[in-house]
Protein backbone atom coordinates (compact mmCIF):
# COMPACT_ATOMS: atom_id res chain seq x y z
CA MET A 1 4.53 16.26 31.04
CA ILE A 2 2.92 14.02 28.39
CA ARG A 3 -0.27 13.67 30.42
CA ASP A 4 -0.66 17.45 30.50
CA LEU A 5 -0.73 17.55 26.69
CA VAL A 6 -3.38 14.84 26.28
CA ARG A 7 -7.02 15.72 25.56
CA ALA A 8 -9.19 15.36 28.68
CA ASN A 9 -11.54 12.82 27.11
CA ILE A 10 -8.57 10.65 26.08
CA ARG A 11 -7.10 10.81 29.60
CA GLY A 12 -10.38 9.40 30.89
CA LEU A 13 -10.87 6.90 28.07
CA THR A 14 -11.66 3.29 28.85
CA PRO A 15 -10.20 1.62 25.76
CA TYR A 16 -11.78 -1.29 23.95
CA SER A 17 -10.22 -4.51 25.18
CA SER A 18 -10.45 -7.86 23.42
CA ALA A 19 -9.70 -11.27 24.91
CA ARG A 20 -6.61 -11.37 22.69
CA ASN A 21 -5.32 -8.32 24.55
CA GLU A 22 -6.08 -9.82 27.93
CA PHE A 23 -4.58 -13.27 27.21
CA THR A 24 -0.86 -13.87 26.87
CA GLY A 25 0.59 -16.93 25.21
CA GLU A 26 -0.72 -19.25 22.49
CA ALA A 27 -4.15 -20.81 22.95
CA GLU A 28 -5.30 -24.00 21.22
CA VAL A 29 -9.00 -23.22 21.07
CA TYR A 30 -10.30 -19.72 20.34
CA LEU A 31 -13.94 -19.21 21.30
CA ASP A 32 -13.72 -15.57 22.35
CA ALA A 33 -14.40 -13.41 19.27
CA ASN A 34 -17.38 -14.99 17.49
CA GLU A 35 -15.27 -15.94 14.48
CA ASN A 36 -16.23 -18.54 11.91
CA TRP A 37 -14.24 -21.67 12.72
CA GLN A 38 -13.97 -22.35 8.99
CA GLY A 39 -11.53 -20.74 6.57
CA PHE A 40 -12.33 -20.35 2.87
CA VAL A 41 -9.21 -18.77 1.38
CA SER A 42 -5.57 -19.78 1.00
CA PHE A 43 -4.20 -17.46 3.68
CA GLN A 44 -3.98 -19.46 6.90
CA GLU A 45 -6.13 -18.20 9.78
CA ALA A 46 -7.90 -15.61 7.62
CA ASN A 47 -11.00 -16.50 9.61
CA ARG A 48 -9.31 -15.35 12.83
CA TYR A 49 -8.79 -11.80 14.01
CA PRO A 50 -5.12 -10.74 13.94
CA ASP A 51 -2.99 -10.09 17.00
CA PRO A 52 -4.15 -6.59 18.07
CA GLN A 53 -0.72 -5.81 19.50
CA ALA A 54 1.27 -7.25 16.57
CA ARG A 55 3.62 -8.81 19.11
CA ALA A 56 5.53 -11.12 16.76
CA LEU A 57 5.98 -8.29 14.27
CA ARG A 58 7.21 -5.84 16.90
CA ALA A 59 9.70 -8.43 18.14
CA ARG A 60 10.99 -8.88 14.58
CA ILE A 61 11.17 -5.10 14.14
CA GLU A 62 13.32 -4.87 17.26
CA ALA A 63 15.64 -7.61 15.99
CA VAL A 64 15.99 -6.25 12.46
CA LEU A 65 15.51 -2.48 12.78
CA GLY A 66 16.74 -2.04 16.34
CA LEU A 67 13.56 -0.30 17.52
CA PRO A 68 12.81 -1.43 21.10
CA TYR A 69 9.70 -3.61 21.41
CA GLU A 70 8.31 -1.74 24.41
CA ASN A 71 8.59 1.58 22.58
CA THR A 72 6.76 0.62 19.39
CA VAL A 73 3.16 0.48 18.23
CA ILE A 74 2.04 -0.57 14.75
CA GLY A 75 -0.38 1.37 12.57
CA SER A 76 -2.18 0.77 9.31
CA GLY A 77 0.43 2.88 7.57
CA SER A 78 2.02 5.94 9.16
CA ASP A 79 -1.13 7.83 8.19
CA GLU A 80 -3.17 6.06 10.86
CA LEU A 81 -0.53 6.91 13.45
CA ILE A 82 -0.51 10.59 12.39
CA ASP A 83 -4.29 10.69 12.74
CA ASN A 84 -4.12 8.97 16.14
CA LEU A 85 -1.55 11.42 17.46
CA ILE A 86 -3.64 14.42 16.44
CA ARG A 87 -6.74 12.88 18.01
CA ILE A 88 -4.90 12.10 21.24
CA PHE A 89 -3.28 15.46 21.83
CA CYS A 90 -5.28 18.13 20.00
CA GLU A 91 -8.62 19.50 21.13
CA PRO A 92 -10.85 20.13 18.09
CA ARG A 93 -11.51 23.81 17.33
CA GLN A 94 -8.95 24.83 19.98
CA ASP A 95 -5.46 23.38 19.57
CA SER A 96 -3.10 23.53 16.60
CA ILE A 97 -0.25 21.72 14.88
CA LEU A 98 2.79 23.24 13.19
CA VAL A 99 4.18 22.19 9.80
CA MET A 100 7.11 23.37 7.69
CA ASN A 101 6.40 24.33 4.07
CA PRO A 102 6.85 22.45 1.79
CA THR A 103 6.15 19.08 3.39
CA TYR A 104 3.96 15.98 3.33
CA GLY A 105 0.38 17.08 2.78
CA ALA A 106 -1.28 14.48 5.01
CA TYR A 107 -0.37 16.37 8.20
CA ARG A 108 -2.67 19.20 7.18
CA VAL A 109 -5.36 16.84 5.89
CA PHE A 110 -5.60 14.91 9.16
CA ALA A 111 -5.59 18.15 11.14
CA ASP A 112 -8.45 19.42 8.98
CA ILE A 113 -10.39 16.17 9.44
CA ASN A 114 -10.01 16.52 13.22
CA ASP A 115 -10.94 20.22 13.07
CA VAL A 116 -7.51 21.24 14.38
CA LYS A 117 -5.83 24.46 13.26
CA VAL A 118 -2.66 24.30 11.17
CA LEU A 119 0.14 26.82 11.71
CA SER A 120 3.10 26.89 9.35
CA PHE A 121 6.41 28.50 8.53
CA ASP A 122 8.60 28.23 5.45
CA LEU A 123 11.79 26.30 5.00
CA THR A 124 14.58 28.32 3.41
CA GLU A 125 14.90 28.38 -0.38
CA THR A 126 17.42 25.53 -0.06
CA PHE A 127 14.86 23.61 2.02
CA GLN A 128 16.62 23.92 5.37
CA ILE A 129 14.92 24.56 8.71
CA ASP A 130 15.00 28.24 9.64
CA LEU A 131 15.39 28.03 13.42
CA ALA A 132 14.92 31.80 13.81
CA ALA A 133 11.61 31.62 11.95
CA LEU A 134 10.57 28.66 14.08
CA GLN A 135 11.40 30.49 17.30
CA ALA A 136 9.39 33.49 16.12
CA VAL A 137 6.34 31.27 15.50
CA LEU A 138 6.69 29.61 18.90
CA GLN A 139 7.06 32.93 20.72
CA GLN A 140 4.08 34.41 18.91
CA GLU A 141 1.97 31.36 19.72
CA ARG A 142 2.89 31.44 23.42
CA ALA A 143 2.18 35.18 23.64
CA GLY A 144 -1.27 34.73 22.11
CA ARG A 145 -2.21 31.61 24.05
CA SER A 146 -5.56 32.15 25.73
CA GLY A 147 -5.56 29.07 27.91
CA ASN A 148 -8.30 27.45 25.85
CA GLY A 149 -6.02 26.20 23.10
CA GLN A 150 -2.36 25.76 22.32
CA LEU A 151 0.14 24.51 19.79
CA LYS A 152 0.39 20.83 20.67
CA MET A 153 2.37 19.19 17.88
CA LEU A 154 5.17 19.92 15.43
CA PHE A 155 5.83 17.75 12.37
CA ILE A 156 9.30 17.28 10.89
CA CYS A 157 9.51 15.14 7.75
CA SER A 158 13.10 13.93 7.39
CA PRO A 159 14.02 13.11 4.67
CA ASN A 160 11.46 15.64 3.61
CA ASN A 161 8.73 14.99 1.09
CA PRO A 162 8.74 16.48 -1.56
CA THR A 163 12.20 18.02 -1.30
CA GLY A 164 14.15 14.82 -0.57
CA ASN A 165 16.65 16.28 1.89
CA ALA A 166 17.16 15.02 5.44
CA PHE A 167 17.77 17.40 8.34
CA ASP A 168 20.77 17.19 10.64
CA LEU A 169 20.10 15.39 13.91
CA ALA A 170 21.55 18.34 15.83
CA THR A 171 18.92 20.64 14.30
CA ILE A 172 16.11 18.25 15.20
CA GLU A 173 17.41 17.98 18.76
CA THR A 174 17.55 21.77 19.04
CA ILE A 175 13.87 21.86 18.07
CA CYS A 176 13.13 19.32 20.83
CA THR A 177 14.59 21.76 23.34
CA LEU A 178 12.69 24.75 21.91
CA PHE A 179 9.24 23.17 21.72
CA ASP A 180 7.31 21.88 24.72
CA GLY A 181 4.72 19.95 22.70
CA ILE A 182 4.96 16.69 20.77
CA VAL A 183 7.73 16.59 18.14
CA VAL A 184 6.83 14.09 15.41
CA VAL A 185 9.73 13.12 13.17
CA ASP A 186 8.44 11.32 10.10
CA GLU A 187 11.24 9.08 8.80
CA ALA A 188 9.42 7.29 5.99
CA TYR A 189 12.51 7.62 3.78
CA GLN A 190 15.19 7.18 6.45
CA ASP A 191 16.47 3.93 4.94
CA PHE A 192 17.72 5.85 1.89
CA SER A 193 19.61 8.46 3.93
CA ALA A 194 23.12 8.55 5.37
CA LYS A 195 22.01 11.12 7.98
CA ALA A 196 21.53 9.92 11.57
CA SER A 197 18.04 8.89 12.63
CA ALA A 198 16.07 10.72 15.30
CA ALA A 199 15.30 7.34 16.90
CA THR A 200 18.15 8.00 19.35
CA LEU A 201 16.25 11.01 20.71
CA VAL A 202 13.29 8.97 21.98
CA ALA A 203 15.14 7.80 25.08
CA LYS A 204 16.27 11.36 25.78
CA TYR A 205 13.08 13.35 25.13
CA GLU A 206 9.68 12.13 26.30
CA ASN A 207 7.91 14.33 23.75
CA VAL A 208 9.55 12.83 20.63
CA VAL A 209 7.70 10.42 18.33
CA VAL A 210 9.53 8.88 15.36
CA LEU A 211 7.49 7.37 12.52
CA ARG A 212 8.80 4.63 10.24
CA THR A 213 7.16 2.60 7.49
CA LEU A 214 7.66 -0.61 5.54
CA SER A 215 6.04 0.99 2.47
CA LYS A 216 9.18 2.42 0.88
CA CYS A 217 12.53 0.64 1.21
CA TRP A 218 10.87 -2.61 2.34
CA GLY A 219 8.47 -2.71 -0.62
CA LEU A 220 5.23 -3.21 1.33
CA ALA A 221 3.19 -0.18 0.29
CA SER A 222 0.13 -2.40 -0.27
CA ALA A 223 0.33 -3.94 3.21
CA ARG A 224 0.16 -0.56 5.01
CA VAL A 225 2.59 -1.16 7.88
CA GLY A 226 3.54 1.92 9.87
CA ILE A 227 5.62 2.06 13.05
CA ALA A 228 5.61 4.63 15.83
CA LEU A 229 8.61 4.75 18.15
CA ALA A 230 8.01 6.75 21.31
CA ALA A 231 8.13 6.85 25.10
CA GLN A 232 6.02 4.12 26.69
CA ALA A 233 3.48 6.70 27.87
CA VAL A 234 2.84 7.80 24.27
CA VAL A 235 2.88 4.23 22.91
CA SER A 236 0.26 3.28 25.50
CA LEU A 237 -1.97 6.17 24.43
CA ILE A 238 -1.78 5.22 20.76
CA ALA A 239 -2.53 1.59 21.63
CA GLN A 240 -5.66 2.73 23.45
CA VAL A 241 -6.93 4.93 20.62
CA LYS A 242 -6.10 2.87 17.52
CA TYR A 243 -8.66 0.47 16.07
CA PRO A 244 -8.63 -2.84 18.01
CA TYR A 245 -7.44 -4.98 15.08
CA ASN A 246 -5.92 -2.26 12.96
CA LEU A 247 -3.34 -4.31 11.04
CA GLY A 248 -4.70 -7.39 9.29
CA GLY A 249 -3.15 -10.84 9.51
CA PRO A 250 -1.99 -10.86 5.86
CA SER A 251 -0.20 -7.55 6.41
CA GLN A 252 1.48 -8.81 9.57
CA ALA A 253 2.54 -11.99 7.77
CA LEU A 254 3.97 -10.04 4.83
CA ALA A 255 5.85 -7.74 7.20
CA LEU A 256 7.36 -10.70 9.04
CA GLU A 257 8.36 -12.24 5.71
CA VAL A 258 10.07 -9.15 4.31
CA LEU A 259 11.91 -8.48 7.57
CA SER A 260 13.38 -11.98 7.28
CA LYS A 261 14.92 -10.89 3.96
CA ALA A 262 16.93 -7.96 5.31
CA ASP A 263 20.07 -8.86 3.33
CA GLU A 264 18.13 -8.92 0.06
CA VAL A 265 16.42 -5.62 0.88
CA LYS A 266 19.76 -4.01 1.77
CA ALA A 267 21.22 -5.09 -1.57
CA THR A 268 18.33 -3.55 -3.52
CA LEU A 269 18.55 -0.43 -1.34
CA GLU A 270 22.14 0.09 -2.46
CA LEU A 271 21.02 -0.29 -6.08
CA ILE A 272 18.30 2.34 -5.61
CA ILE A 273 20.81 4.79 -4.13
CA GLU A 274 23.23 4.17 -7.01
CA GLU A 275 20.42 4.67 -9.51
CA ARG A 276 19.36 7.86 -7.71
CA GLU A 277 22.82 9.31 -8.21
CA ARG A 278 22.96 8.18 -11.85
CA MET A 279 19.55 9.69 -12.57
CA GLY A 280 20.54 12.94 -10.92
CA THR A 281 23.53 13.26 -13.23
CA ALA A 282 21.57 12.25 -16.34
CA LEU A 283 18.71 14.64 -15.60
CA SER A 284 21.11 17.53 -14.95
CA ALA A 285 22.49 17.10 -18.45
CA LEU A 286 19.09 17.69 -20.10
CA GLY A 287 18.35 21.12 -21.53
CA CYS A 288 14.77 21.12 -20.18
CA VAL A 289 16.04 20.64 -16.62
CA GLU A 290 17.00 23.74 -14.66
CA HIS A 291 17.99 22.11 -11.36
CA VAL A 292 18.10 18.72 -9.65
CA TYR A 293 17.93 19.02 -5.89
CA PRO A 294 20.12 16.80 -3.67
CA SER A 295 18.17 13.85 -2.27
CA ASP A 296 18.41 11.56 0.74
CA ALA A 297 15.26 9.69 -0.36
CA ASN A 298 14.21 7.39 -3.22
CA PHE A 299 13.04 10.29 -5.38
CA LEU A 300 14.38 13.47 -6.94
CA LEU A 301 12.83 16.92 -6.95
CA VAL A 302 13.58 18.42 -10.36
CA ARG A 303 12.95 21.96 -11.63
CA PHE A 304 12.02 22.09 -15.33
CA ASP A 305 11.79 24.97 -17.76
CA ASP A 306 8.07 24.18 -18.15
CA ALA A 307 6.98 21.61 -15.57
CA ARG A 308 3.33 21.48 -16.61
CA ALA A 309 4.21 20.87 -20.25
CA VAL A 310 6.68 18.13 -19.25
CA TYR A 311 4.09 16.57 -16.96
CA ARG A 312 1.49 16.45 -19.75
CA PHE A 313 4.03 15.11 -22.24
CA LEU A 314 5.00 12.27 -19.89
CA ALA A 315 1.38 11.47 -19.02
CA GLU A 316 0.56 11.14 -22.72
CA ARG A 317 3.29 8.49 -22.85
CA LEU A 318 1.79 6.74 -19.80
CA ILE A 319 4.56 7.89 -17.45
CA ILE A 320 3.11 9.35 -14.26
CA VAL A 321 5.18 11.65 -12.03
CA ARG A 322 4.13 14.10 -9.31
CA ASP A 323 3.69 17.79 -10.04
CA ARG A 324 4.78 19.76 -6.95
CA SER A 325 4.72 23.20 -8.60
CA SER A 326 2.07 24.55 -6.23
CA GLN A 327 4.16 24.00 -3.08
CA ARG A 328 6.33 26.63 -1.44
CA HIS A 329 9.73 27.08 -3.17
CA CYS A 330 8.81 24.26 -5.59
CA GLN A 331 7.58 26.33 -8.51
CA GLY A 332 8.28 24.49 -11.75
CA CYS A 333 9.19 21.25 -9.96
CA LEU A 334 8.23 17.66 -10.60
CA ARG A 335 8.96 14.86 -8.13
CA LEU A 336 10.40 11.78 -9.84
CA THR A 337 10.55 8.45 -8.04
CA VAL A 338 13.68 6.38 -8.69
CA GLY A 339 12.27 3.32 -10.43
CA SER A 340 13.88 0.31 -12.02
CA ILE A 341 16.64 0.83 -14.59
CA VAL A 342 14.12 0.02 -17.34
CA GLU A 343 11.60 2.55 -15.96
CA ASN A 344 14.26 5.21 -15.50
CA GLU A 345 15.57 4.74 -19.04
CA ARG A 346 12.05 5.07 -20.37
CA LEU A 347 11.68 8.34 -18.45
CA LEU A 348 14.98 9.71 -19.79
CA ALA A 349 14.09 8.69 -23.34
CA ALA A 350 10.75 10.49 -23.06
CA LEU A 351 12.43 13.65 -21.73
CA LYS A 352 14.91 13.59 -24.62
CA GLU A 353 11.97 13.20 -27.00
CA TYR A 354 10.34 16.20 -25.35
CA GLU A 355 13.48 18.26 -25.85
CA ASN A 356 13.71 17.34 -29.51
CA GLY A 357 10.17 18.53 -30.11
């Protein structure tokens, strides 16, 4: 089934293979990659290429996050993995992807870069998945399919960015039964949610890919560590298409370090969730705030009486938030990350100053 969805040139691809891919174990002398034997910076082995398969990191991910080693591949952020998936499965100028408005904008950007069409349908006004609308899009696409192109991929961001809400696992599984292409569930903010992860669906549905990241809860946004969890057939395809040494040694080392501090991360995660709830209550009490949407992430989507004026007022006070007013059902909304208590208090003080004119 997966093979039928793959682009013909990818099916026939002979991937780049380094000696580090072909050799298993730990060597004592590396004379395979034309590296400089000398190192000039403090990071050990900066003069050596990193493990292209990130084997130690994937083993640690399995131990800490419970994501099976054989079903994972590491990307330079989830963005690289999104781009790889589109390149693997979608024929340029023929195939299409499907997104749900409003959602993470990179899906459309990477589709545009790869010259792949983007279809879309709207979430409900409460940001839930409208299964009837989805079925209508799928039926229309199948009826108009010419044989030269098809809808290959559907993106579900859960918890969703910018709305913050996670979707029920039962709804995601229903979509897996409705759609015969690749279902990508982007769980960048899953750590902040009490809703069940779609990771359990990977063993059940060959066409499901779950994306995770160490950028959010794990505090490694600068290191760019993304994780794809999928059937081995899909993992193998991504491994063939990704850059040979796509995640640098410093990033792998930082990821291994933070994963060894799971207890500390969990403690700070609980603090972020508590602060999210406190901020939601405090923001709701402000006269300039019309609505605070429920969140399963580390941010809040907030509707203001004049979002653009609030945005400018905050920027003048060197507080940067995200204006999401242009997105579907998000008119008048700003997205506010849950920061430290000090940062959050500074935000609230500025909003009170705004109210008082």
